[in-house]
Amino acid sequence: MTEGSPESPTEYITVEIYDQVYHLSGQNAEYIRALAARVDAKMRAVAARGRTADSLRVAVLAALNLADELSQATADPTLGRLRAASLRGLLDEVLEDERKTG
C-alpha cells in the first residue's frame, strides 16, 4: 500500500473516508492521503448517483469502480474501454433500480 523506501520510518496517518476517520500506518503519508482522497471521491460519486444510505453498498460499488479502472490501466486499451462501458451500464442500471425502489 505504500511507495516509500524500505529505510523510511513508519508514520501514523489519520485520514477521513466517507465521513469515517481511519488511523493508518505507512512509510509515505502523502501517498496514503492521496489514496484515501481517491477512495473518498469515488464513494461520494457513487452515493450522489443513488439514494442509498448504506455505506457498505456505496463502498462495494466504489471498489468495483476502482477495480475497473485498474483493470483498464493494465489490460488491452480497446478491451478495457469496452469492459468499462459495459460495467458503467450495469452500475447505472443498479442505481436506477435503486432510485425507483428507494
PDB file of N, CA and C in Angstrom:
ATOM      1  N   MET A   1       0.809  -1.190   0.000  1.00  0.00           N
ATOM      2  CA  MET A   1       0.000   0.000   0.000  1.00  0.00           C
ATOM      3  C   MET A   1       0.854   1.257   0.000  1.00  0.00           C
ATOM      4  N   THR A   2       2.076   1.159   0.374  1.00  0.00           N
ATOM      5  CA  THR A   2       2.918   2.339   0.419  1.00  0.00           C
ATOM      6  C   THR A   2       3.962   2.281  -0.673  1.00  0.00           C
ATOM      7  N   GLU A   3       4.490   3.442  -0.992  1.00  0.00           N
ATOM      8  CA  GLU A   3       5.534   3.545  -2.005  1.00  0.00           C
ATOM      9  C   GLU A   3       6.782   4.193  -1.432  1.00  0.00           C
ATOM     10  N   GLY A   4       7.058   3.995  -0.188  1.00  0.00           N
ATOM     11  CA  GLY A   4       8.247   4.578   0.424  1.00  0.00           C
ATOM     12  C   GLY A   4       9.432   3.656   0.267  1.00  0.00           C
ATOM     13  N   SER A   5      10.608   4.156   0.573  1.00  0.00           N
ATOM     14  CA  SER A   5      11.792   3.307   0.526  1.00  0.00           C
ATOM     15  C   SER A   5      11.806   2.425   1.762  1.00  0.00           C
ATOM     16  N   PRO A   6      12.468   1.262   1.709  1.00  0.00           N
ATOM     17  CA  PRO A   6      12.468   0.348   2.848  1.00  0.00           C
ATOM     18  C   PRO A   6      13.041   0.963   4.118  1.00  0.00           C
ATOM     19  N   GLU A   7      13.904   1.974   3.984  1.00  0.00           N
ATOM     20  CA  GLU A   7      14.513   2.584   5.157  1.00  0.00           C
ATOM     21  C   GLU A   7      13.613   3.629   5.812  1.00  0.00           C
ATOM     22  N   SER A   8      12.561   4.062   5.151  1.00  0.00           N
ATOM     23  CA  SER A   8      11.705   5.118   5.679  1.00  0.00           C
ATOM     24  C   SER A   8      11.007   4.648   6.948  1.00  0.00           C
ATOM     25  N   PRO A   9      10.937   5.510   7.949  1.00  0.00           N
ATOM     26  CA  PRO A   9      10.239   5.132   9.171  1.00  0.00           C
ATOM     27  C   PRO A   9       8.732   5.076   8.932  1.00  0.00           C
ATOM     28  N   THR A  10       8.069   4.216   9.677  1.00  0.00           N
ATOM     29  CA  THR A  10       6.626   4.108   9.575  1.00  0.00           C
ATOM     30  C   THR A  10       5.996   5.306  10.267  1.00  0.00           C
ATOM     31  N   GLU A  11       5.056   5.933   9.578  1.00  0.00           N
ATOM     32  CA  GLU A  11       4.334   7.072  10.114  1.00  0.00           C
ATOM     33  C   GLU A  11       2.909   6.642  10.411  1.00  0.00           C
ATOM     34  N   TYR A  12       2.269   7.346  11.321  1.00  0.00           N
ATOM     35  CA  TYR A  12       0.851   7.136  11.572  1.00  0.00           C
ATOM     36  C   TYR A  12       0.104   8.297  10.955  1.00  0.00           C
ATOM     37  N   ILE A  13      -0.851   7.963  10.113  1.00  0.00           N
ATOM     38  CA  ILE A  13      -1.568   8.943   9.331  1.00  0.00           C
ATOM     39  C   ILE A  13      -3.056   8.823   9.638  1.00  0.00           C
ATOM     40  N   THR A  14      -3.715   9.944   9.848  1.00  0.00           N
ATOM     41  CA  THR A  14      -5.157   9.954  10.042  1.00  0.00           C
ATOM     42  C   THR A  14      -5.798  10.480   8.769  1.00  0.00           C
ATOM     43  N   VAL A  15      -6.733   9.704   8.239  1.00  0.00           N
ATOM     44  CA  VAL A  15      -7.453  10.109   7.033  1.00  0.00           C
ATOM     45  C   VAL A  15      -8.948   9.980   7.298  1.00  0.00           C
ATOM     46  N   GLU A  16      -9.716  10.661   6.480  1.00  0.00           N
ATOM     47  CA  GLU A  16     -11.168  10.562   6.572  1.00  0.00           C
ATOM     48  C   GLU A  16     -11.695  10.102   5.226  1.00  0.00           C
ATOM     49  N   ILE A  17     -12.461   9.022   5.259  1.00  0.00           N
ATOM     50  CA  ILE A  17     -13.064   8.477   4.044  1.00  0.00           C
ATOM     51  C   ILE A  17     -14.558   8.327   4.300  1.00  0.00           C
ATOM     52  N   TYR A  18     -15.332   9.028   3.535  1.00  0.00           N
ATOM     53  CA  TYR A  18     -16.792   8.958   3.608  1.00  0.00           C
ATOM     54  C   TYR A  18     -17.281   9.183   5.039  1.00  0.00           C
ATOM     55  N   ASP A  19     -16.748  10.238   5.634  1.00  0.00           N
ATOM     56  CA  ASP A  19     -17.111  10.702   6.977  1.00  0.00           C
ATOM     57  C   ASP A  19     -16.710   9.745   8.098  1.00  0.00           C
ATOM     58  N   GLN A  20     -15.778   8.853   7.821  1.00  0.00           N
ATOM     59  CA  GLN A  20     -15.245   7.951   8.844  1.00  0.00           C
ATOM     60  C   GLN A  20     -13.750   8.213   8.971  1.00  0.00           C
ATOM     61  N   VAL A  21     -13.263   8.257  10.202  1.00  0.00           N
ATOM     62  CA  VAL A  21     -11.849   8.516  10.446  1.00  0.00           C
ATOM     63  C   VAL A  21     -11.109   7.186  10.562  1.00  0.00           C
ATOM     64  N   TYR A  22      -9.974   7.094   9.876  1.00  0.00           N
ATOM     65  CA  TYR A  22      -9.131   5.903   9.919  1.00  0.00           C
ATOM     66  C   TYR A  22      -7.721   6.317  10.310  1.00  0.00           C
ATOM     67  N   HIS A  23      -7.116   5.542  11.174  1.00  0.00           N
ATOM     68  CA  HIS A  23      -5.732   5.763  11.585  1.00  0.00           C
ATOM     69  C   HIS A  23      -4.904   4.667  10.917  1.00  0.00           C
ATOM     70  N   LEU A  24      -4.071   5.063   9.994  1.00  0.00           N
ATOM     71  CA  LEU A  24      -3.295   4.123   9.194  1.00  0.00           C
ATOM     72  C   LEU A  24      -1.814   4.308   9.466  1.00  0.00           C
ATOM     73  N   SER A  25      -1.045   3.313   9.120  1.00  0.00           N
ATOM     74  CA  SER A  25       0.403   3.452   9.230  1.00  0.00           C
ATOM     75  C   SER A  25       1.024   3.122   7.886  1.00  0.00           C
ATOM     76  N   GLY A  26       2.120   3.774   7.613  1.00  0.00           N
ATOM     77  CA  GLY A  26       2.814   3.544   6.357  1.00  0.00           C
ATOM     78  C   GLY A  26       4.061   4.389   6.285  1.00  0.00           C
ATOM     79  N   GLN A  27       4.758   4.247   5.183  1.00  0.00           N
ATOM     80  CA  GLN A  27       6.025   4.942   5.015  1.00  0.00           C
ATOM     81  C   GLN A  27       5.906   6.202   4.174  1.00  0.00           C
ATOM     82  N   ASN A  28       4.760   6.409   3.552  1.00  0.00           N
ATOM     83  CA  ASN A  28       4.602   7.559   2.674  1.00  0.00           C
ATOM     84  C   ASN A  28       3.235   8.192   2.932  1.00  0.00           C
ATOM     85  N   ALA A  29       3.190   9.126   3.867  1.00  0.00           N
ATOM     86  CA  ALA A  29       1.926   9.746   4.284  1.00  0.00           C
ATOM     87  C   ALA A  29       1.216  10.426   3.116  1.00  0.00           C
ATOM     88  N   GLU A  30       1.963  11.098   2.278  1.00  0.00           N
ATOM     89  CA  GLU A  30       1.366  11.806   1.145  1.00  0.00           C
ATOM     90  C   GLU A  30       0.652  10.836   0.204  1.00  0.00           C
ATOM     91  N   TYR A  31       1.284   9.711  -0.060  1.00  0.00           N
ATOM     92  CA  TYR A  31       0.698   8.694  -0.938  1.00  0.00           C
ATOM     93  C   TYR A  31      -0.569   8.113  -0.315  1.00  0.00           C
ATOM     94  N   ILE A  32      -0.522   7.817   0.972  1.00  0.00           N
ATOM     95  CA  ILE A  32      -1.683   7.256   1.664  1.00  0.00           C
ATOM     96  C   ILE A  32      -2.828   8.261   1.674  1.00  0.00           C
ATOM     97  N   ARG A  33      -2.526   9.515   1.907  1.00  0.00           N
ATOM     98  CA  ARG A  33      -3.574  10.550   1.876  1.00  0.00           C
ATOM     99  C   ARG A  33      -4.193  10.664   0.481  1.00  0.00           C
ATOM    100  N   ALA A  34      -3.363  10.547  -0.545  1.00  0.00           N
ATOM    101  CA  ALA A  34      -3.868  10.613  -1.925  1.00  0.00           C
ATOM    102  C   ALA A  34      -4.789   9.428  -2.217  1.00  0.00           C
ATOM    103  N   LEU A  35      -4.401   8.240  -1.765  1.00  0.00           N
ATOM    104  CA  LEU A  35      -5.263   7.066  -1.958  1.00  0.00           C
ATOM    105  C   LEU A  35      -6.584   7.235  -1.227  1.00  0.00           C
ATOM    106  N   ALA A  36      -6.521   7.704   0.010  1.00  0.00           N
ATOM    107  CA  ALA A  36      -7.731   7.919   0.800  1.00  0.00           C
ATOM    108  C   ALA A  36      -8.642   8.942   0.130  1.00  0.00           C
ATOM    109  N   ALA A  37      -8.063   9.996  -0.406  1.00  0.00           N
ATOM    110  CA  ALA A  37      -8.853  11.019  -1.092  1.00  0.00           C
ATOM    111  C   ALA A  37      -9.531  10.444  -2.331  1.00  0.00           C
ATOM    112  N   ARG A  38      -8.817   9.563  -3.032  1.00  0.00           N
ATOM    113  CA  ARG A  38      -9.402   8.947  -4.227  1.00  0.00           C
ATOM    114  C   ARG A  38     -10.566   8.025  -3.864  1.00  0.00           C
ATOM    115  N   VAL A  39     -10.391   7.238  -2.812  1.00  0.00           N
ATOM    116  CA  VAL A  39     -11.472   6.353  -2.359  1.00  0.00           C
ATOM    117  C   VAL A  39     -12.666   7.187  -1.898  1.00  0.00           C
ATOM    118  N   ASP A  40     -12.412   8.241  -1.132  1.00  0.00           N
ATOM    119  CA  ASP A  40     -13.476   9.118  -0.662  1.00  0.00           C
ATOM    120  C   ASP A  40     -14.243   9.718  -1.835  1.00  0.00           C
ATOM    121  N   ALA A  41     -13.516  10.190  -2.838  1.00  0.00           N
ATOM    122  CA  ALA A  41     -14.157  10.791  -4.011  1.00  0.00           C
ATOM    123  C   ALA A  41     -15.030   9.777  -4.748  1.00  0.00           C
ATOM    124  N   LYS A  42     -14.536   8.552  -4.894  1.00  0.00           N
ATOM    125  CA  LYS A  42     -15.319   7.517  -5.579  1.00  0.00           C
ATOM    126  C   LYS A  42     -16.577   7.190  -4.799  1.00  0.00           C
ATOM    127  N   MET A  43     -16.446   7.066  -3.480  1.00  0.00           N
ATOM    128  CA  MET A  43     -17.619   6.751  -2.660  1.00  0.00           C
ATOM    129  C   MET A  43     -18.647   7.865  -2.748  1.00  0.00           C
ATOM    130  N   ARG A  44     -18.202   9.093  -2.716  1.00  0.00           N
ATOM    131  CA  ARG A  44     -19.137  10.216  -2.795  1.00  0.00           C
ATOM    132  C   ARG A  44     -19.793  10.293  -4.177  1.00  0.00           C
ATOM    133  N   ALA A  45     -19.059   9.971  -5.218  1.00  0.00           N
ATOM    134  CA  ALA A  45     -19.637   9.961  -6.568  1.00  0.00           C
ATOM    135  C   ALA A  45     -20.702   8.886  -6.685  1.00  0.00           C
ATOM    136  N   VAL A  46     -20.430   7.704  -6.154  1.00  0.00           N
ATOM    137  CA  VAL A  46     -21.414   6.617  -6.181  1.00  0.00           C
ATOM    138  C   VAL A  46     -22.643   7.006  -5.362  1.00  0.00           C
ATOM    139  N   ALA A  47     -22.421   7.555  -4.176  1.00  0.00           N
ATOM    140  CA  ALA A  47     -23.537   7.943  -3.309  1.00  0.00           C
ATOM    141  C   ALA A  47     -24.392   9.034  -3.955  1.00  0.00           C
ATOM    142  N   ALA A  48     -23.766   9.934  -4.687  1.00  0.00           N
ATOM    143  CA  ALA A  48     -24.504  11.022  -5.326  1.00  0.00           C
ATOM    144  C   ALA A  48     -25.426  10.508  -6.432  1.00  0.00           C
ATOM    145  N   ARG A  49     -25.079   9.380  -7.008  1.00  0.00           N
ATOM    146  CA  ARG A  49     -25.890   8.811  -8.096  1.00  0.00           C
ATOM    147  C   ARG A  49     -27.068   8.000  -7.587  1.00  0.00           C
ATOM    148  N   GLY A  50     -26.990   7.513  -6.356  1.00  0.00           N
ATOM    149  CA  GLY A  50     -28.055   6.663  -5.830  1.00  0.00           C
ATOM    150  C   GLY A  50     -28.683   7.271  -4.603  1.00  0.00           C
ATOM    151  N   ARG A  51     -29.652   6.569  -4.078  1.00  0.00           N
ATOM    152  CA  ARG A  51     -30.338   7.054  -2.887  1.00  0.00           C
ATOM    153  C   ARG A  51     -30.048   6.185  -1.682  1.00  0.00           C
ATOM    154  N   THR A  52     -29.010   5.405  -1.728  1.00  0.00           N
ATOM    155  CA  THR A  52     -28.719   4.515  -0.627  1.00  0.00           C
ATOM    156  C   THR A  52     -27.951   5.239   0.461  1.00  0.00           C
ATOM    157  N   ALA A  53     -28.321   4.940   1.692  1.00  0.00           N
ATOM    158  CA  ALA A  53     -27.581   5.469   2.838  1.00  0.00           C
ATOM    159  C   ALA A  53     -26.673   4.377   3.388  1.00  0.00           C
ATOM    160  N   ASP A  54     -26.708   3.218   2.764  1.00  0.00           N
ATOM    161  CA  ASP A  54     -25.923   2.069   3.206  1.00  0.00           C
ATOM    162  C   ASP A  54     -24.473   2.249   2.769  1.00  0.00           C
ATOM    163  N   SER A  55     -23.613   2.609   3.723  1.00  0.00           N
ATOM    164  CA  SER A  55     -22.224   2.889   3.373  1.00  0.00           C
ATOM    165  C   SER A  55     -21.496   1.652   2.861  1.00  0.00           C
ATOM    166  N   LEU A  56     -21.894   0.454   3.292  1.00  0.00           N
ATOM    167  CA  LEU A  56     -21.260  -0.761   2.780  1.00  0.00           C
ATOM    168  C   LEU A  56     -21.556  -0.930   1.290  1.00  0.00           C
ATOM    169  N   ARG A  57     -22.784  -0.695   0.913  1.00  0.00           N
ATOM    170  CA  ARG A  57     -23.154  -0.804  -0.514  1.00  0.00           C
ATOM    171  C   ARG A  57     -22.391   0.241  -1.334  1.00  0.00           C
ATOM    172  N   VAL A  58     -22.303   1.455  -0.821  1.00  0.00           N
ATOM    173  CA  VAL A  58     -21.552   2.511  -1.503  1.00  0.00           C
ATOM    174  C   VAL A  58     -20.087   2.098  -1.640  1.00  0.00           C
ATOM    175  N   ALA A  59     -19.519   1.528  -0.570  1.00  0.00           N
ATOM    176  CA  ALA A  59     -18.116   1.109  -0.599  1.00  0.00           C
ATOM    177  C   ALA A  59     -17.886   0.015  -1.636  1.00  0.00           C
ATOM    178  N   VAL A  60     -18.790  -0.947  -1.712  1.00  0.00           N
ATOM    179  CA  VAL A  60     -18.630  -2.044  -2.681  1.00  0.00           C
ATOM    180  C   VAL A  60     -18.720  -1.517  -4.104  1.00  0.00           C
ATOM    181  N   LEU A  61     -19.678  -0.643  -4.368  1.00  0.00           N
ATOM    182  CA  LEU A  61     -19.801  -0.086  -5.718  1.00  0.00           C
ATOM    183  C   LEU A  61     -18.588   0.774  -6.072  1.00  0.00           C
ATOM    184  N   ALA A  62     -18.078   1.521  -5.109  1.00  0.00           N
ATOM    185  CA  ALA A  62     -16.865   2.318  -5.354  1.00  0.00           C
ATOM    186  C   ALA A  62     -15.669   1.397  -5.611  1.00  0.00           C
ATOM    187  N   ALA A  63     -15.578   0.311  -4.849  1.00  0.00           N
ATOM    188  CA  ALA A  63     -14.481  -0.641  -5.045  1.00  0.00           C
ATOM    189  C   ALA A  63     -14.549  -1.269  -6.436  1.00  0.00           C
ATOM    190  N   LEU A  64     -15.736  -1.601  -6.892  1.00  0.00           N
ATOM    191  CA  LEU A  64     -15.887  -2.146  -8.245  1.00  0.00           C
ATOM    192  C   LEU A  64     -15.435  -1.123  -9.285  1.00  0.00           C
ATOM    193  N   ASN A  65     -15.783   0.128  -9.059  1.00  0.00           N
ATOM    194  CA  ASN A  65     -15.376   1.184  -9.980  1.00  0.00           C
ATOM    195  C   ASN A  65     -13.865   1.318 -10.015  1.00  0.00           C
ATOM    196  N   LEU A  66     -13.228   1.325  -8.855  1.00  0.00           N
ATOM    197  CA  LEU A  66     -11.764   1.430  -8.792  1.00  0.00           C
ATOM    198  C   LEU A  66     -11.091   0.198  -9.395  1.00  0.00           C
ATOM    199  N   ALA A  67     -11.656  -0.979  -9.151  1.00  0.00           N
ATOM    200  CA  ALA A  67     -11.102  -2.207  -9.736  1.00  0.00           C
ATOM    201  C   ALA A  67     -11.196  -2.165 -11.253  1.00  0.00           C
ATOM    202  N   ASP A  68     -12.295  -1.622 -11.761  1.00  0.00           N
ATOM    203  CA  ASP A  68     -12.450  -1.478 -13.207  1.00  0.00           C
ATOM    204  C   ASP A  68     -11.395  -0.538 -13.770  1.00  0.00           C
ATOM    205  N   GLU A  69     -11.139   0.571 -13.075  1.00  0.00           N
ATOM    206  CA  GLU A  69     -10.097   1.497 -13.528  1.00  0.00           C
ATOM    207  C   GLU A  69      -8.736   0.815 -13.558  1.00  0.00           C
ATOM    208  N   LEU A  70      -8.435   0.033 -12.539  1.00  0.00           N
ATOM    209  CA  LEU A  70      -7.169  -0.686 -12.501  1.00  0.00           C
ATOM    210  C   LEU A  70      -7.083  -1.686 -13.642  1.00  0.00           C
ATOM    211  N   SER A  71      -8.161  -2.394 -13.873  1.00  0.00           N
ATOM    212  CA  SER A  71      -8.202  -3.365 -14.958  1.00  0.00           C
ATOM    213  C   SER A  71      -7.979  -2.686 -16.306  1.00  0.00           C
ATOM    214  N   GLN A  72      -8.596  -1.546 -16.490  1.00  0.00           N
ATOM    215  CA  GLN A  72      -8.420  -0.799 -17.742  1.00  0.00           C
ATOM    216  C   GLN A  72      -6.980  -0.367 -17.933  1.00  0.00           C
ATOM    217  N   ALA A  73      -6.356   0.032 -16.841  1.00  0.00           N
ATOM    218  CA  ALA A  73      -4.976   0.516 -16.928  1.00  0.00           C
ATOM    219  C   ALA A  73      -4.000  -0.601 -17.282  1.00  0.00           C
ATOM    220  N   THR A  74      -4.335  -1.841 -16.932  1.00  0.00           N
ATOM    221  CA  THR A  74      -3.412  -2.941 -17.159  1.00  0.00           C
ATOM    222  C   THR A  74      -3.797  -3.819 -18.343  1.00  0.00           C
ATOM    223  N   ALA A  75      -4.999  -3.656 -18.859  1.00  0.00           N
ATOM    224  CA  ALA A  75      -5.474  -4.513 -19.952  1.00  0.00           C
ATOM    225  C   ALA A  75      -5.271  -3.834 -21.300  1.00  0.00           C
ATOM    226  N   ASP A  76      -5.626  -4.557 -22.336  1.00  0.00           N
ATOM    227  CA  ASP A  76      -5.641  -4.014 -23.682  1.00  0.00           C
ATOM    228  C   ASP A  76      -6.536  -2.778 -23.696  1.00  0.00           C
ATOM    229  N   PRO A  77      -6.047  -1.648 -24.202  1.00  0.00           N
ATOM    230  CA  PRO A  77      -6.838  -0.412 -24.142  1.00  0.00           C
ATOM    231  C   PRO A  77      -8.227  -0.533 -24.760  1.00  0.00           C
ATOM    232  N   THR A  78      -8.351  -1.198 -25.885  1.00  0.00           N
ATOM    233  CA  THR A  78      -9.651  -1.327 -26.538  1.00  0.00           C
ATOM    234  C   THR A  78     -10.580  -2.197 -25.717  1.00  0.00           C
ATOM    235  N   LEU A  79     -10.084  -3.329 -25.260  1.00  0.00           N
ATOM    236  CA  LEU A  79     -10.882  -4.229 -24.436  1.00  0.00           C
ATOM    237  C   LEU A  79     -11.278  -3.545 -23.135  1.00  0.00           C
ATOM    238  N   GLY A  80     -10.361  -2.810 -22.562  1.00  0.00           N
ATOM    239  CA  GLY A  80     -10.643  -2.098 -21.313  1.00  0.00           C
ATOM    240  C   GLY A  80     -11.768  -1.087 -21.476  1.00  0.00           C
ATOM    241  N   ARG A  81     -11.769  -0.359 -22.570  1.00  0.00           N
ATOM    242  CA  ARG A  81     -12.838   0.627 -22.803  1.00  0.00           C
ATOM    243  C   ARG A  81     -14.188  -0.060 -22.965  1.00  0.00           C
ATOM    244  N   LEU A  82     -14.204  -1.179 -23.673  1.00  0.00           N
ATOM    245  CA  LEU A  82     -15.462  -1.912 -23.855  1.00  0.00           C
ATOM    246  C   LEU A  82     -15.979  -2.446 -22.514  1.00  0.00           C
ATOM    247  N   ARG A  83     -15.073  -3.007 -21.705  1.00  0.00           N
ATOM    248  CA  ARG A  83     -15.467  -3.512 -20.391  1.00  0.00           C
ATOM    249  C   ARG A  83     -15.952  -2.386 -19.501  1.00  0.00           C
ATOM    250  N   ALA A  84     -15.280  -1.250 -19.562  1.00  0.00           N
ATOM    251  CA  ALA A  84     -15.670  -0.104 -18.735  1.00  0.00           C
ATOM    252  C   ALA A  84     -17.072   0.360 -19.113  1.00  0.00           C
ATOM    253  N   ALA A  85     -17.343   0.443 -20.400  1.00  0.00           N
ATOM    254  CA  ALA A  85     -18.670   0.873 -20.846  1.00  0.00           C
ATOM    255  C   ALA A  85     -19.735  -0.107 -20.372  1.00  0.00           C
ATOM    256  N   SER A  86     -19.426  -1.385 -20.456  1.00  0.00           N
ATOM    257  CA  SER A  86     -20.356  -2.410 -20.003  1.00  0.00           C
ATOM    258  C   SER A  86     -20.606  -2.310 -18.495  1.00  0.00           C
ATOM    259  N   LEU A  87     -19.540  -2.163 -17.729  1.00  0.00           N
ATOM    260  CA  LEU A  87     -19.683  -2.056 -16.276  1.00  0.00           C
ATOM    261  C   LEU A  87     -20.402  -0.774 -15.881  1.00  0.00           C
ATOM    262  N   ARG A  88     -20.107   0.320 -16.568  1.00  0.00           N
ATOM    263  CA  ARG A  88     -20.812   1.569 -16.271  1.00  0.00           C
ATOM    264  C   ARG A  88     -22.302   1.417 -16.535  1.00  0.00           C
ATOM    265  N   GLY A  89     -22.634   0.725 -17.620  1.00  0.00           N
ATOM    266  CA  GLY A  89     -24.041   0.484 -17.929  1.00  0.00           C
ATOM    267  C   GLY A  89     -24.721  -0.333 -16.848  1.00  0.00           C
ATOM    268  N   LEU A  90     -24.034  -1.388 -16.381  1.00  0.00           N
ATOM    269  CA  LEU A  90     -24.596  -2.209 -15.308  1.00  0.00           C
ATOM    270  C   LEU A  90     -24.753  -1.405 -14.025  1.00  0.00           C
ATOM    271  N   LEU A  91     -23.766  -0.599 -13.697  1.00  0.00           N
ATOM    272  CA  LEU A  91     -23.831   0.227 -12.499  1.00  0.00           C
ATOM    273  C   LEU A  91     -24.971   1.225 -12.612  1.00  0.00           C
ATOM    274  N   ASP A  92     -25.139   1.835 -13.778  1.00  0.00           N
ATOM    275  CA  ASP A  92     -26.241   2.776 -13.974  1.00  0.00           C
ATOM    276  C   ASP A  92     -27.590   2.088 -13.793  1.00  0.00           C
ATOM    277  N   GLU A  93     -27.710   0.853 -14.291  1.00  0.00           N
ATOM    278  CA  GLU A  93     -28.956   0.102 -14.129  1.00  0.00           C
ATOM    279  C   GLU A  93     -29.254  -0.164 -12.658  1.00  0.00           C
ATOM    280  N   VAL A  94     -28.236  -0.595 -11.919  1.00  0.00           N
ATOM    281  CA  VAL A  94     -28.417  -0.872 -10.494  1.00  0.00           C
ATOM    282  C   VAL A  94     -28.853   0.394  -9.763  1.00  0.00           C
ATOM    283  N   LEU A  95     -28.174   1.483 -10.039  1.00  0.00           N
ATOM    284  CA  LEU A  95     -28.501   2.733  -9.357  1.00  0.00           C
ATOM    285  C   LEU A  95     -29.883   3.243  -9.756  1.00  0.00           C
ATOM    286  N   GLU A  96     -30.261   3.073 -11.016  1.00  0.00           N
ATOM    287  CA  GLU A  96     -31.589   3.497 -11.454  1.00  0.00           C
ATOM    288  C   GLU A  96     -32.669   2.657 -10.778  1.00  0.00           C
ATOM    289  N   ASP A  97     -32.451   1.348 -10.687  1.00  0.00           N
ATOM    290  CA  ASP A  97     -33.395   0.476  -9.979  1.00  0.00           C
ATOM    291  C   ASP A  97     -33.526   0.901  -8.525  1.00  0.00           C
ATOM    292  N   GLU A  98     -32.410   1.255  -7.922  1.00  0.00           N
ATOM    293  CA  GLU A  98     -32.418   1.692  -6.526  1.00  0.00           C
ATOM    294  C   GLU A  98     -33.194   2.989  -6.359  1.00  0.00           C
ATOM    295  N   ARG A  99     -33.040   3.903  -7.315  1.00  0.00           N
ATOM    296  CA  ARG A  99     -33.803   5.170  -7.254  1.00  0.00           C
ATOM    297  C   ARG A  99     -35.302   4.895  -7.320  1.00  0.00           C
ATOM    298  N   LYS A 100     -35.689   3.953  -8.194  1.00  0.00           N
ATOM    299  CA  LYS A 100     -37.114   3.644  -8.367  1.00  0.00           C
ATOM    300  C   LYS A 100     -37.702   2.990  -7.134  1.00  0.00           C
ATOM    301  N   THR A 101     -36.911   2.137  -6.468  1.00  0.00           N
ATOM    302  CA  THR A 101     -37.420   1.427  -5.287  1.00  0.00           C
ATOM    303  C   THR A 101     -37.134   2.166  -3.996  1.00  0.00           C
ATOM    304  N   GLY A 102     -36.173   3.122  -4.018  1.00  0.00           N
ATOM    305  CA  GLY A 102     -35.741   3.833  -2.817  1.00  0.00           C
ATOM    306  C   GLY A 102     -36.735   4.835  -2.402  1.00  0.00           C
TER     307      GLY A 102
END
